Amino acid sequence: MYANVFAGGETTKVEASFDGVTWQSMEYHQGVAPELKRFYLLQELGRYKGQKLSKMPKPTTKSKHLWRLKMPENLSTGMHLIRVRVKDDFLKLQSEDVRVYEKR
């Protein structure tokens, strides 16, 4: 699981909760944003063929505001609410909820 924290940096603390109670620290990661990789793959598979869109070049620029965490092995099949919270020297504590469907 990735979190893209705009204006985040190495000192930003990012945590995730899968139950709303227990928080796990996410790992700071410099790499190509997964969402850009996905858009590029869909483009290469012809998903946007016929639409008046400019072709996107293969993404190679590493983002400096990504955090990642392995999804829990024991996460049951079904809908889950994942909470992500962010804190650093410039941002006050902020959080966002994301709903995901886990299919095992």
C-alpha atoms as a PDB file:
ATOM      1  CA  MET A   1       0.000   0.000   0.000  1.00  0.00           C
ATOM      2  CA  TYR A   2       1.319   3.435  -0.936  1.00  0.00           C
ATOM      3  CA  ALA A   3       0.545   6.908   0.383  1.00  0.00           C
ATOM      4  CA  ASN A   4       1.477   9.917  -1.739  1.00  0.00           C
ATOM      5  CA  VAL A   5       1.860  12.869   0.627  1.00  0.00           C
ATOM      6  CA  PHE A   6       2.138  16.105  -1.323  1.00  0.00           C
ATOM      7  CA  ALA A   7       4.897  18.352   0.080  1.00  0.00           C
ATOM      8  CA  GLY A   8       5.998  15.536   2.399  1.00  0.00           C
ATOM      9  CA  GLY A   9       9.659  14.780   2.984  1.00  0.00           C
ATOM     10  CA  GLU A  10      12.054  12.556   4.866  1.00  0.00           C
ATOM     11  CA  THR A  11      11.034  14.010   8.245  1.00  0.00           C
ATOM     12  CA  THR A  12       7.297  13.529   7.633  1.00  0.00           C
ATOM     13  CA  LYS A  13       5.746  10.813   9.800  1.00  0.00           C
ATOM     14  CA  VAL A  14       3.094   8.736   8.005  1.00  0.00           C
ATOM     15  CA  GLU A  15       1.072   6.008   9.725  1.00  0.00           C
ATOM     16  CA  ALA A  16      -1.750   3.689   8.667  1.00  0.00           C
ATOM     17  CA  SER A  17      -4.453   1.878  10.619  1.00  0.00           C
ATOM     18  CA  PHE A  18      -6.512  -1.052   9.372  1.00  0.00           C
ATOM     19  CA  ASP A  19      -8.709  -1.226  12.475  1.00  0.00           C
ATOM     20  CA  GLY A  20      -8.917   2.417  13.595  1.00  0.00           C
ATOM     21  CA  VAL A  21      -7.032   1.614  16.815  1.00  0.00           C
ATOM     22  CA  THR A  22      -3.561   0.255  16.016  1.00  0.00           C
ATOM     23  CA  TRP A  23      -1.241   2.493  13.978  1.00  0.00           C
ATOM     24  CA  GLN A  24       1.726   1.242  11.931  1.00  0.00           C
ATOM     25  CA  SER A  25       4.519   3.470  10.651  1.00  0.00           C
ATOM     26  CA  MET A  26       4.827   3.595   6.885  1.00  0.00           C
ATOM     27  CA  GLU A  27       8.277   3.454   5.265  1.00  0.00           C
ATOM     28  CA  TYR A  28       9.565   6.495   3.359  1.00  0.00           C
ATOM     29  CA  HIS A  29      10.197   5.428  -0.248  1.00  0.00           C
ATOM     30  CA  GLN A  30      11.756   7.210  -3.213  1.00  0.00           C
ATOM     31  CA  GLY A  31      10.458   5.571  -6.378  1.00  0.00           C
ATOM     32  CA  VAL A  32       8.195   6.029  -9.376  1.00  0.00           C
ATOM     33  CA  ALA A  33       4.618   6.648  -8.221  1.00  0.00           C
ATOM     34  CA  PRO A  34       2.537   3.457  -8.692  1.00  0.00           C
ATOM     35  CA  GLU A  35      -0.386   5.457 -10.103  1.00  0.00           C
ATOM     36  CA  LEU A  36       1.814   6.790 -12.925  1.00  0.00           C
ATOM     37  CA  LYS A  37       3.019   3.261 -13.660  1.00  0.00           C
ATOM     38  CA  ARG A  38      -0.614   2.088 -13.829  1.00  0.00           C
ATOM     39  CA  PHE A  39      -1.645   4.883 -16.226  1.00  0.00           C
ATOM     40  CA  TYR A  40       1.317   4.099 -18.466  1.00  0.00           C
ATOM     41  CA  LEU A  41       0.501   0.368 -18.512  1.00  0.00           C
ATOM     42  CA  LEU A  42      -3.142   1.063 -19.409  1.00  0.00           C
ATOM     43  CA  GLN A  43      -1.953   3.339 -22.195  1.00  0.00           C
ATOM     44  CA  GLU A  44       0.371   0.619 -23.531  1.00  0.00           C
ATOM     45  CA  LEU A  45      -2.488  -1.912 -23.408  1.00  0.00           C
ATOM     46  CA  GLY A  46      -4.580   0.414 -25.588  1.00  0.00           C
ATOM     47  CA  ARG A  47      -7.039   1.560 -22.933  1.00  0.00           C
ATOM     48  CA  TYR A  48      -7.025   5.163 -24.166  1.00  0.00           C
ATOM     49  CA  LYS A  49      -6.857   4.365 -27.895  1.00  0.00           C
ATOM     50  CA  GLY A  50      -9.242   6.541 -29.895  1.00  0.00           C
ATOM     51  CA  GLN A  51      -9.350   9.251 -27.256  1.00  0.00           C
ATOM     52  CA  LYS A  52      -7.783  12.610 -28.002  1.00  0.00           C
ATOM     53  CA  LEU A  53      -5.048  12.322 -25.409  1.00  0.00           C
ATOM     54  CA  SER A  54      -1.343  12.928 -25.734  1.00  0.00           C
ATOM     55  CA  LYS A  55       0.789   9.858 -25.147  1.00  0.00           C
ATOM     56  CA  MET A  56       2.414   9.805 -21.759  1.00  0.00           C
ATOM     57  CA  PRO A  57       6.154   9.003 -21.720  1.00  0.00           C
ATOM     58  CA  LYS A  58       7.300   6.045 -19.634  1.00  0.00           C
ATOM     59  CA  PRO A  59       7.495   7.307 -16.037  1.00  0.00           C
ATOM     60  CA  THR A  60      11.036   7.254 -14.665  1.00  0.00           C
ATOM     61  CA  THR A  61      11.159  10.216 -12.264  1.00  0.00           C
ATOM     62  CA  LYS A  62      11.341   9.127  -8.647  1.00  0.00           C
ATOM     63  CA  SER A  63       8.871  10.769  -6.310  1.00  0.00           C
ATOM     64  CA  LYS A  64      10.199  12.118  -3.028  1.00  0.00           C
ATOM     65  CA  HIS A  65       6.845  12.057  -1.256  1.00  0.00           C
ATOM     66  CA  LEU A  66       5.854   8.366  -1.177  1.00  0.00           C
ATOM     67  CA  TRP A  67       5.432   6.062   1.807  1.00  0.00           C
ATOM     68  CA  ARG A  68       4.635   2.371   1.710  1.00  0.00           C
ATOM     69  CA  LEU A  69       3.462  -0.424   3.970  1.00  0.00           C
ATOM     70  CA  LYS A  70       2.810  -4.096   3.280  1.00  0.00           C
ATOM     71  CA  MET A  71      -0.866  -5.023   3.554  1.00  0.00           C
ATOM     72  CA  PRO A  72      -1.521  -7.299   6.561  1.00  0.00           C
ATOM     73  CA  GLU A  73      -1.502 -11.011   5.713  1.00  0.00           C
ATOM     74  CA  ASN A  74      -4.516 -11.645   7.943  1.00  0.00           C
ATOM     75  CA  LEU A  75      -6.777  -9.034   6.298  1.00  0.00           C
ATOM     76  CA  SER A  76     -10.050 -10.810   5.598  1.00  0.00           C
ATOM     77  CA  THR A  77     -11.901 -10.737   2.278  1.00  0.00           C
ATOM     78  CA  GLY A  78     -14.321  -7.827   2.048  1.00  0.00           C
ATOM     79  CA  MET A  79     -14.517  -4.061   2.436  1.00  0.00           C
ATOM     80  CA  HIS A  80     -12.060  -2.347   4.778  1.00  0.00           C
ATOM     81  CA  LEU A  81     -11.560   1.230   5.924  1.00  0.00           C
ATOM     82  CA  ILE A  82      -7.896   2.211   5.993  1.00  0.00           C
ATOM     83  CA  ARG A  83      -6.908   5.377   7.858  1.00  0.00           C
ATOM     84  CA  VAL A  84      -3.721   7.223   7.009  1.00  0.00           C
ATOM     85  CA  ARG A  85      -2.414  10.076   9.132  1.00  0.00           C
ATOM     86  CA  VAL A  86       0.429  12.483   8.486  1.00  0.00           C
ATOM     87  CA  LYS A  87       2.458  14.744  10.772  1.00  0.00           C
ATOM     88  CA  ASP A  88       5.558  16.830  10.166  1.00  0.00           C
ATOM     89  CA  ASP A  89       7.136  20.138  11.185  1.00  0.00           C
ATOM     90  CA  PHE A  90       5.064  22.168   8.710  1.00  0.00           C
ATOM     91  CA  LEU A  91       1.742  20.314   8.579  1.00  0.00           C
ATOM     92  CA  LYS A  92      -0.481  19.836  11.561  1.00  0.00           C
ATOM     93  CA  LEU A  93      -1.836  16.322  12.018  1.00  0.00           C
ATOM     94  CA  GLN A  94      -3.931  15.402   8.989  1.00  0.00           C
ATOM     95  CA  SER A  95      -5.713  12.172   8.135  1.00  0.00           C
ATOM     96  CA  GLU A  96      -7.607  10.598   5.300  1.00  0.00           C
ATOM     97  CA  ASP A  97      -9.820   7.520   5.081  1.00  0.00           C
ATOM     98  CA  VAL A  98      -9.728   5.150   2.117  1.00  0.00           C
ATOM     99  CA  ARG A  99     -12.056   2.237   1.523  1.00  0.00           C
ATOM    100  CA  VAL A 100     -10.588  -0.820  -0.183  1.00  0.00           C
ATOM    101  CA  TYR A 101     -11.963  -4.213  -1.102  1.00  0.00           C
ATOM    102  CA  GLU A 102      -9.628  -7.073  -0.245  1.00  0.00           C
ATOM    103  CA  LYS A 103     -10.021 -10.142  -2.415  1.00  0.00           C
ATOM    104  CA  ARG A 104      -8.077 -13.183  -1.242  1.00  0.00           C
END
